[in-house]
Amino acid sequence: MNRIKPFEKKIWLASPTMHGEEIKYVTSAYETNWMSTVGENIDKVEEQIAKKIGIKNTVALSSGTAALHLAVRMAGEKLYGKPRAGHGSLEGHRVFCSDVTFAATANPITYEGGELVFIDTEYDTWNMDPEALEKAFEIYPDVRLVVVAHLYGTPAKIDEIRGIAKRHNALIVEDAAESLGASYKGRQTGMFGDYNCISFNGNKIITGSAGGMLLTDDLEGANKARKWSTQARENAPWYQHEEVGYNYRMSNVIAGVVRGQIPHLEEHIEQKKAIYERYKEGLNDLPVKMNPYDVDNSEPNYWLSCMIIDKDAMCKQVRGEQDVLYISESGKSCPTEILDTLAKYNAEGRPIWKPMHMQPIFRNNDFITCGGSSRAKSNAYIATKCTDVGMDIFARGLCLPSDNKMTAEEQDVIIKLIHECFK
């Protein structure tokens, strides 16, 4: 690989792509002095996203995590009533949650005192396995809330998941933080749950540098979230508070950036799709596969292009809590070798999200596969095809540089570097 020179300018996994309109709306916030959590930019962003997704109510917030927190709190209060002072809305209750996801999907459940039960992944979309979810309801029939994420912009099998939740009288919080603009059976993600969330973090498909949004058809719920997000101030001539609130409202400045990005959503998706297709074609002679999706029912936003190495093409790799070792083998490779190689040439890749049930903080929480509980001491767990799909994807998969400012020529070099790892 000595003949390949490192990139002079770093190739990022996914960085903001700005267009110019953003500064116009930020300047407007500055010139009108609406620099706080009210203003025209916020109003317009809420209106435009509601129209784009096809949802009745939107609440612009400081982050996708803030949106998830308010969604989870709202679901808990709807299910179990207003909590006692000092307790979360899910105190003493279990919640089913996607296992292969970013920690922000799971953390708000703990904020509200819920006990997380993680649901395994399936190979078709790398998302929550409906079969494992059904098994989870057999084990824990009292559960009434499911939090499901769409990994890397790929829609989950959401109709099956919704059907199972409905049969068990459970609400759904949909984490569409990574999947804005993706669709399932012609409908946008972010409208399938009772309460739904998107993110405008700096690496997302469109960005505000920060920010997120709660989406729901429940007007009362949206009004509650808006109130909670501004410290739960009551309608009184002084600062009156009757419940706990948060400083979660989006600023008019951040909303200006998002407002300038919204017209470019489809353009960004088109660019991301082209990156995915180039990887798929350029790597088709290697023992790898790209992150899958349901071609008949869904269209991802292709936020991140990922790949998974065939089992018999994996070199030896061992991961600890913070360290990793691998042995290079002719004709084989592993995620660590590829990521190390990309880094050496000034390109950024990432491991697949480490499953939540393997995170040290959650290792005492139950984890359900399609064969039952993997933590159980009985014979209920069936060690067959149901064995920890998420950990397998984590072990063999990686996220490739997916920045939509990467040129085709730069991507060709990355594809060549990956080929070299298998020689």
Protein backbone atom coordinates (compact mmCIF):
# COMPACT_ATOMS: atom_id res chain seq x y z
CA MET A 1 0.00 0.00 0.00
CA ASN A 2 3.06 2.25 -0.10
CA ARG A 3 2.00 3.55 -3.50
CA ILE A 4 -1.21 4.99 -2.00
CA LYS A 5 -0.67 8.37 -0.37
CA PRO A 6 -2.63 9.46 2.72
CA PHE A 7 -5.40 11.96 2.05
CA GLU A 8 -4.18 15.52 2.52
CA LYS A 9 -7.60 16.55 3.82
CA LYS A 10 -9.29 14.14 6.22
CA ILE A 11 -12.15 12.05 4.90
CA TRP A 12 -14.78 12.09 7.64
CA LEU A 13 -17.36 9.49 8.58
CA ALA A 14 -20.10 12.11 8.30
CA SER A 15 -19.65 15.84 8.75
CA PRO A 16 -21.99 18.82 8.25
CA THR A 17 -22.63 19.89 4.66
CA MET A 18 -23.53 23.56 4.55
CA HIS A 19 -25.04 25.50 1.66
CA GLY A 20 -25.23 29.21 2.50
CA GLU A 21 -28.93 29.67 3.23
CA GLU A 22 -28.23 28.77 6.85
CA ILE A 23 -26.33 31.99 7.54
CA LYS A 24 -29.25 34.06 6.21
CA TYR A 25 -31.60 32.70 8.87
CA VAL A 26 -28.97 32.86 11.62
CA THR A 27 -28.32 36.50 10.69
CA SER A 28 -32.04 37.16 10.82
CA ALA A 29 -32.15 35.83 14.39
CA TYR A 30 -29.24 38.12 15.26
CA GLU A 31 -30.63 41.23 13.58
CA THR A 32 -34.10 40.84 15.09
CA ASN A 33 -32.52 39.98 18.48
CA TRP A 34 -34.52 36.73 18.73
CA MET A 35 -31.53 34.80 20.03
CA SER A 36 -33.27 32.69 22.66
CA THR A 37 -35.89 29.93 22.52
CA VAL A 38 -38.61 31.78 20.62
CA GLY A 39 -38.63 33.20 17.12
CA GLU A 40 -39.65 32.76 13.51
CA ASN A 41 -36.96 30.17 12.74
CA ILE A 42 -38.32 27.80 15.40
CA ASP A 43 -41.90 28.26 14.18
CA LYS A 44 -40.91 27.62 10.55
CA VAL A 45 -38.77 24.57 11.32
CA GLU A 46 -41.59 22.97 13.31
CA GLU A 47 -44.03 23.69 10.50
CA GLN A 48 -41.75 22.41 7.72
CA ILE A 49 -40.78 19.17 9.46
CA ALA A 50 -44.42 18.44 10.33
CA LYS A 51 -45.32 18.83 6.66
CA LYS A 52 -42.35 16.81 5.47
CA ILE A 53 -43.03 13.83 7.74
CA GLY A 54 -46.81 14.02 7.74
CA ILE A 55 -47.25 14.45 11.49
CA LYS A 56 -49.62 16.85 13.24
CA ASN A 57 -47.41 18.26 15.99
CA THR A 58 -43.70 18.97 16.34
CA VAL A 59 -41.69 20.44 19.23
CA ALA A 60 -38.20 21.77 18.44
CA LEU A 61 -35.73 20.86 21.19
CA SER A 62 -32.07 21.20 22.09
CA SER A 63 -31.11 17.65 21.05
CA GLY A 64 -32.45 14.32 19.89
CA THR A 65 -31.73 13.00 23.38
CA ALA A 66 -33.94 15.72 24.89
CA ALA A 67 -36.70 14.66 22.49
CA LEU A 68 -36.30 11.03 23.52
CA HIS A 69 -36.38 11.95 27.20
CA LEU A 70 -39.62 13.91 26.88
CA ALA A 71 -41.15 11.17 24.70
CA VAL A 72 -40.29 8.51 27.26
CA ARG A 73 -41.53 10.63 30.15
CA MET A 74 -44.78 11.33 28.32
CA ALA A 75 -45.31 7.66 27.50
CA GLY A 76 -44.67 6.74 31.13
CA GLU A 77 -47.20 9.26 32.44
CA LYS A 78 -49.78 8.19 29.88
CA LEU A 79 -49.35 4.55 30.90
CA TYR A 80 -48.88 4.82 34.65
CA GLY A 81 -50.05 8.29 35.70
CA LYS A 82 -48.15 11.23 37.09
CA PRO A 83 -45.24 10.02 39.25
CA ARG A 84 -44.64 10.91 42.87
CA ALA A 85 -42.18 13.70 43.58
CA GLY A 86 -38.61 12.49 43.15
CA HIS A 87 -39.60 9.52 41.01
CA GLY A 88 -39.52 9.00 37.25
CA SER A 89 -42.61 8.26 35.19
CA LEU A 90 -41.39 4.68 34.60
CA GLU A 91 -40.31 3.94 38.16
CA GLY A 92 -40.66 0.20 38.81
CA HIS A 93 -41.61 -0.65 35.22
CA ARG A 94 -39.74 -2.56 32.50
CA VAL A 95 -39.30 -1.12 29.01
CA PHE A 96 -38.27 -2.98 25.83
CA CYS A 97 -35.53 -1.23 23.87
CA SER A 98 -33.47 -1.76 20.72
CA ASP A 99 -30.13 -3.36 21.55
CA VAL A 100 -27.88 -2.24 18.68
CA THR A 101 -28.16 1.52 18.90
CA PHE A 102 -26.48 4.58 20.34
CA ALA A 103 -26.74 4.95 24.13
CA ALA A 104 -29.07 7.94 23.74
CA THR A 105 -31.88 5.54 22.82
CA ALA A 106 -31.59 3.76 26.17
CA ASN A 107 -30.47 6.47 28.60
CA PRO A 108 -33.79 8.39 28.84
CA ILE A 109 -35.47 5.23 30.10
CA THR A 110 -33.06 5.22 33.02
CA TYR A 111 -33.67 8.96 33.58
CA GLU A 112 -37.31 8.05 34.20
CA GLY A 113 -36.51 5.13 36.48
CA GLY A 114 -37.43 2.37 34.01
CA GLU A 115 -35.77 -1.03 33.88
CA LEU A 116 -34.34 -1.67 30.43
CA VAL A 117 -34.87 -5.02 28.71
CA PHE A 118 -32.91 -5.16 25.45
CA ILE A 119 -34.33 -6.82 22.35
CA ASP A 120 -31.97 -8.54 19.91
CA THR A 121 -31.37 -7.53 16.32
CA GLU A 122 -32.22 -9.31 13.07
CA TYR A 123 -29.99 -9.68 10.01
CA ASP A 124 -32.44 -8.30 7.41
CA THR A 125 -32.25 -4.66 8.53
CA TRP A 126 -29.93 -4.75 11.58
CA ASN A 127 -32.84 -3.48 13.67
CA MET A 128 -35.07 -4.82 16.45
CA ASP A 129 -36.11 -8.42 15.77
CA PRO A 130 -39.93 -8.79 15.83
CA GLU A 131 -39.58 -12.46 16.74
CA ALA A 132 -37.44 -11.56 19.75
CA LEU A 133 -39.93 -8.82 20.70
CA GLU A 134 -42.76 -11.35 20.69
CA LYS A 135 -40.67 -13.65 22.86
CA ALA A 136 -40.00 -10.75 25.24
CA PHE A 137 -43.73 -10.18 25.72
CA GLU A 138 -44.13 -13.87 26.56
CA ILE A 139 -41.52 -13.48 29.31
CA TYR A 140 -42.66 -10.03 30.49
CA PRO A 141 -46.38 -9.69 29.62
CA ASP A 142 -46.72 -6.62 31.87
CA VAL A 143 -44.49 -4.40 29.67
CA ARG A 144 -46.35 -1.50 28.02
CA LEU A 145 -43.62 0.49 26.27
CA VAL A 146 -41.31 -0.31 23.34
CA VAL A 147 -38.51 2.05 22.26
CA VAL A 148 -37.34 1.19 18.75
CA ALA A 149 -34.52 2.78 16.71
CA HIS A 150 -33.87 2.81 12.96
CA LEU A 151 -30.17 1.99 12.71
CA TYR A 152 -27.94 4.06 10.41
CA GLY A 153 -30.96 5.43 8.53
CA THR A 154 -32.51 2.04 7.69
CA PRO A 155 -36.16 1.52 8.70
CA ALA A 156 -36.91 -1.35 11.05
CA LYS A 157 -39.66 -3.90 10.36
CA ILE A 158 -41.98 -1.34 11.84
CA ASP A 159 -45.34 -2.83 10.79
CA GLU A 160 -44.51 -6.12 12.51
CA ILE A 161 -43.23 -4.31 15.59
CA ARG A 162 -46.31 -2.10 15.76
CA GLY A 163 -48.58 -5.09 15.34
CA ILE A 164 -46.92 -6.91 18.24
CA ALA A 165 -47.04 -3.80 20.44
CA LYS A 166 -50.73 -3.29 19.66
CA ARG A 167 -51.60 -6.88 20.57
CA HIS A 168 -49.95 -6.33 23.94
CA ASN A 169 -51.43 -2.86 24.52
CA ALA A 170 -48.00 -1.24 24.43
CA LEU A 171 -47.03 2.25 23.31
CA ILE A 172 -44.12 2.89 20.95
CA VAL A 173 -41.44 5.58 21.13
CA GLU A 174 -39.79 5.71 17.71
CA ASP A 175 -36.16 6.82 17.65
CA ALA A 176 -35.76 8.17 14.12
CA ALA A 177 -32.69 10.23 15.06
CA GLU A 178 -30.62 8.62 12.29
CA SER A 179 -33.39 8.10 9.72
CA LEU A 180 -34.89 11.49 8.84
CA GLY A 181 -36.06 11.24 5.22
CA ALA A 182 -36.15 7.43 5.19
CA SER A 183 -39.49 5.82 4.38
CA TYR A 184 -41.32 2.57 5.06
CA LYS A 185 -44.12 1.54 2.70
CA GLY A 186 -44.24 5.10 1.41
CA ARG A 187 -44.48 6.75 4.83
CA GLN A 188 -41.73 8.71 6.54
CA THR A 189 -40.02 7.38 9.62
CA GLY A 190 -40.83 9.55 12.60
CA MET A 191 -44.57 9.02 12.36
CA PHE A 192 -44.98 5.35 13.33
CA GLY A 193 -44.80 5.64 17.12
CA ASP A 194 -47.04 7.28 19.66
CA TYR A 195 -44.13 9.66 20.29
CA ASN A 196 -41.28 10.03 17.83
CA CYS A 197 -37.88 11.73 17.76
CA ILE A 198 -35.40 13.05 15.22
CA SER A 199 -31.96 14.61 15.58
CA PHE A 200 -30.14 17.53 13.97
CA ASN A 201 -26.75 16.68 15.50
CA GLY A 202 -23.68 17.75 13.54
CA ASN A 203 -23.21 14.39 11.81
CA LYS A 204 -26.85 13.77 10.82
CA ILE A 205 -28.38 13.86 7.32
CA ILE A 206 -29.25 17.54 7.91
CA THR A 207 -27.94 19.48 10.87
CA GLY A 208 -28.37 22.49 13.10
CA SER A 209 -24.97 21.74 14.69
CA ALA A 210 -27.22 20.50 17.49
CA GLY A 211 -30.94 20.16 18.08
CA GLY A 212 -33.70 17.61 17.81
CA MET A 213 -37.45 17.36 17.62
CA LEU A 214 -40.33 15.49 19.22
CA LEU A 215 -43.08 14.45 16.78
CA THR A 216 -46.58 13.27 17.65
CA ASP A 217 -50.20 13.36 16.55
CA ASP A 218 -51.11 13.83 20.23
CA LEU A 219 -51.77 17.56 20.64
CA GLU A 220 -52.02 17.35 24.42
CA GLY A 221 -48.71 15.48 24.52
CA ALA A 222 -47.02 18.05 22.28
CA ASN A 223 -48.23 20.88 24.51
CA LYS A 224 -46.92 19.04 27.59
CA ALA A 225 -43.52 18.56 25.94
CA ARG A 226 -43.36 22.22 24.98
CA LYS A 227 -44.14 23.21 28.58
CA TRP A 228 -41.66 20.74 30.11
CA SER A 229 -38.94 21.92 27.72
CA THR A 230 -39.13 25.47 29.12
CA GLN A 231 -38.78 24.50 32.82
CA ALA A 232 -42.48 23.60 33.15
CA ARG A 233 -43.48 27.19 33.85
CA GLU A 234 -47.18 27.63 34.62
CA ASN A 235 -49.39 30.28 33.03
CA ALA A 236 -49.02 32.78 35.85
CA PRO A 237 -47.69 36.37 36.01
CA TRP A 238 -44.67 35.10 37.99
CA TYR A 239 -42.48 32.01 37.73
CA GLN A 240 -44.78 29.29 39.02
CA HIS A 241 -43.81 25.61 38.84
CA GLU A 242 -46.00 22.62 39.71
CA GLU A 243 -43.86 19.89 38.13
CA VAL A 244 -40.27 19.26 37.14
CA GLY A 245 -39.16 20.87 33.89
CA TYR A 246 -36.05 21.06 31.72
CA ASN A 247 -34.09 23.57 29.69
CA TYR A 248 -34.67 21.64 26.47
CA ARG A 249 -36.13 24.14 23.97
CA MET A 250 -34.27 24.70 20.70
CA SER A 251 -32.74 28.15 20.26
CA ASN A 252 -33.83 30.38 17.39
CA VAL A 253 -30.20 30.48 16.22
CA ILE A 254 -29.91 26.68 15.93
CA ALA A 255 -33.33 26.65 14.26
CA GLY A 256 -31.96 29.07 11.67
CA VAL A 257 -29.30 26.55 10.67
CA VAL A 258 -31.88 23.74 10.47
CA ARG A 259 -34.21 25.97 8.43
CA GLY A 260 -31.46 26.52 5.87
CA GLN A 261 -30.74 22.77 5.73
CA ILE A 262 -34.29 21.45 5.24
CA PRO A 263 -34.49 22.28 1.50
CA HIS A 264 -31.37 20.13 0.95
CA LEU A 265 -32.60 16.94 2.67
CA GLU A 266 -33.42 15.07 -0.55
CA GLU A 267 -30.15 16.24 -2.12
CA HIS A 268 -28.18 14.87 0.85
CA ILE A 269 -30.04 11.56 0.68
CA GLU A 270 -29.28 11.29 -3.04
CA GLN A 271 -25.58 11.88 -2.36
CA LYS A 272 -25.53 9.35 0.48
CA LYS A 273 -27.26 6.76 -1.71
CA ALA A 274 -24.63 7.26 -4.42
CA ILE A 275 -21.92 6.60 -1.83
CA TYR A 276 -23.68 3.39 -0.72
CA GLU A 277 -24.06 2.17 -4.30
CA ARG A 278 -20.40 2.90 -5.13
CA TYR A 279 -19.29 0.87 -2.11
CA LYS A 280 -21.65 -1.94 -3.03
CA GLU A 281 -20.28 -2.13 -6.57
CA GLY A 282 -16.65 -1.53 -5.61
CA LEU A 283 -16.59 -4.21 -2.90
CA ASN A 284 -18.71 -6.85 -4.66
CA ASP A 285 -15.68 -9.05 -5.35
CA LEU A 286 -14.78 -9.24 -1.64
CA PRO A 287 -16.31 -11.55 1.01
CA VAL A 288 -18.34 -8.69 2.48
CA LYS A 289 -21.91 -7.35 2.32
CA MET A 290 -23.30 -3.86 2.75
CA ASN A 291 -25.75 -3.01 5.54
CA PRO A 292 -29.06 -4.45 4.32
CA TYR A 293 -32.56 -3.05 4.01
CA ASP A 294 -35.99 -4.27 2.95
CA VAL A 295 -35.90 -3.42 -0.76
CA ASP A 296 -39.60 -4.17 -1.21
CA ASN A 297 -40.91 -1.99 1.60
CA SER A 298 -38.37 0.62 2.61
CA GLU A 299 -36.07 3.30 1.30
CA PRO A 300 -33.27 4.26 3.73
CA ASN A 301 -31.73 7.70 3.90
CA TYR A 302 -28.33 5.94 3.57
CA TRP A 303 -26.93 8.08 6.40
CA LEU A 304 -24.01 5.70 6.96
CA SER A 305 -22.70 3.06 4.60
CA CYS A 306 -21.63 0.00 6.57
CA MET A 307 -20.27 -3.42 5.70
CA ILE A 308 -20.08 -6.81 7.35
CA ILE A 309 -17.35 -9.38 6.67
CA ASP A 310 -18.31 -12.98 5.92
CA LYS A 311 -17.62 -15.26 8.88
CA ASP A 312 -15.09 -17.43 7.05
CA ALA A 313 -13.20 -14.33 5.86
CA MET A 314 -12.62 -12.92 9.35
CA CYS A 315 -9.07 -12.79 10.66
CA LYS A 316 -8.60 -13.41 14.38
CA GLN A 317 -9.85 -10.44 16.43
CA VAL A 318 -10.34 -10.09 20.18
CA ARG A 319 -11.99 -7.09 21.82
CA GLY A 320 -11.77 -6.13 25.48
CA GLU A 321 -13.56 -3.23 27.14
CA GLN A 322 -11.24 -0.62 25.63
CA ASP A 323 -8.54 -2.52 23.75
CA VAL A 324 -8.54 -4.75 20.70
CA LEU A 325 -6.08 -7.17 19.14
CA TYR A 326 -6.09 -8.87 15.76
CA ILE A 327 -3.81 -11.09 13.71
CA SER A 328 -3.51 -10.25 10.04
CA GLU A 329 -4.14 -13.24 7.78
CA SER A 330 -3.74 -13.65 4.04
CA GLY A 331 -7.09 -13.47 2.23
CA LYS A 332 -8.89 -12.37 5.40
CA SER A 333 -9.47 -9.21 7.35
CA CYS A 334 -11.46 -7.83 10.29
CA PRO A 335 -13.06 -4.50 11.23
CA THR A 336 -10.09 -3.44 13.36
CA GLU A 337 -7.57 -3.99 10.56
CA ILE A 338 -9.70 -2.05 8.08
CA LEU A 339 -10.36 0.81 10.53
CA ASP A 340 -6.67 1.02 11.42
CA THR A 341 -5.76 1.11 7.74
CA LEU A 342 -8.27 3.85 6.97
CA ALA A 343 -7.01 5.90 9.92
CA LYS A 344 -3.43 5.52 8.69
CA TYR A 345 -4.49 7.09 5.40
CA ASN A 346 -6.44 9.91 7.10
CA ALA A 347 -9.95 8.54 6.65
CA GLU A 348 -12.46 8.03 9.46
CA GLY A 349 -14.49 4.86 9.94
CA ARG A 350 -16.21 3.53 13.05
CA PRO A 351 -17.11 0.20 14.62
CA ILE A 352 -20.78 -0.76 14.58
CA TRP A 353 -22.56 0.40 17.75
CA LYS A 354 -21.60 -1.96 20.55
CA PRO A 355 -24.85 -3.63 21.69
CA MET A 356 -26.39 -2.07 24.78
CA HIS A 357 -26.63 -5.38 26.63
CA MET A 358 -22.82 -5.66 26.44
CA GLN A 359 -22.19 -2.18 27.85
CA PRO A 360 -20.78 -2.39 31.40
CA ILE A 361 -23.53 -0.14 32.75
CA PHE A 362 -26.28 -2.45 31.43
CA ARG A 363 -24.77 -5.90 31.97
CA ASN A 364 -27.30 -6.77 34.65
CA ASN A 365 -30.24 -5.94 32.38
CA ASP A 366 -32.07 -8.71 30.60
CA PHE A 367 -31.46 -9.34 26.92
CA ILE A 368 -33.99 -11.23 24.81
CA THR A 369 -33.32 -13.10 21.58
CA CYS A 370 -35.86 -15.03 19.54
CA GLY A 371 -34.95 -18.02 21.73
CA GLY A 372 -35.67 -16.31 25.04
CA SER A 373 -33.64 -14.62 27.76
CA SER A 374 -29.87 -14.94 27.35
CA ARG A 375 -29.45 -14.08 31.04
CA ALA A 376 -31.78 -16.83 32.25
CA LYS A 377 -30.37 -19.70 34.29
CA SER A 378 -33.05 -22.07 33.03
CA ASN A 379 -33.13 -23.89 29.70
CA ALA A 380 -35.53 -21.32 28.23
CA TYR A 381 -32.77 -19.82 26.11
CA ILE A 382 -32.19 -21.69 22.86
CA ALA A 383 -28.60 -21.36 21.60
CA THR A 384 -29.38 -21.65 17.91
CA LYS A 385 -29.86 -19.04 15.21
CA CYS A 386 -31.28 -16.88 18.01
CA THR A 387 -27.89 -16.39 19.64
CA ASP A 388 -26.99 -12.70 19.92
CA VAL A 389 -27.27 -11.39 16.38
CA GLY A 390 -26.26 -7.90 17.51
CA MET A 391 -22.92 -9.04 18.89
CA ASP A 392 -22.21 -10.90 15.66
CA ILE A 393 -22.85 -7.75 13.61
CA PHE A 394 -20.70 -5.75 16.04
CA ALA A 395 -17.87 -8.29 15.73
CA ARG A 396 -17.88 -8.44 11.93
CA GLY A 397 -19.19 -5.04 10.88
CA LEU A 398 -17.92 -1.47 10.51
CA CYS A 399 -19.12 1.94 9.34
CA LEU A 400 -17.29 3.25 6.29
CA PRO A 401 -16.47 6.89 5.48
CA SER A 402 -19.85 8.24 4.35
CA ASP A 403 -19.33 11.98 4.09
CA ASN A 404 -21.31 13.38 1.20
CA LYS A 405 -18.50 15.82 0.38
CA MET A 406 -16.21 12.87 -0.37
CA THR A 407 -15.49 12.70 -4.09
CA ALA A 408 -15.91 9.55 -6.18
CA GLU A 409 -12.13 9.52 -6.66
CA GLU A 410 -11.54 9.66 -2.91
CA GLN A 411 -14.03 6.87 -2.38
CA ASP A 412 -12.23 4.79 -5.00
CA VAL A 413 -9.07 5.08 -2.91
CA ILE A 414 -10.95 3.92 0.21
CA ILE A 415 -12.32 0.95 -1.74
CA LYS A 416 -8.79 0.13 -2.87
CA LEU A 417 -7.52 0.30 0.72
CA ILE A 418 -10.19 -2.17 1.81
CA HIS A 419 -9.15 -4.53 -0.99
CA GLU A 420 -5.55 -4.33 0.19
CA CYS A 421 -6.62 -5.48 3.68
CA PHE A 422 -7.84 -8.79 2.20
CA LYS A 423 -4.61 -9.54 0.31
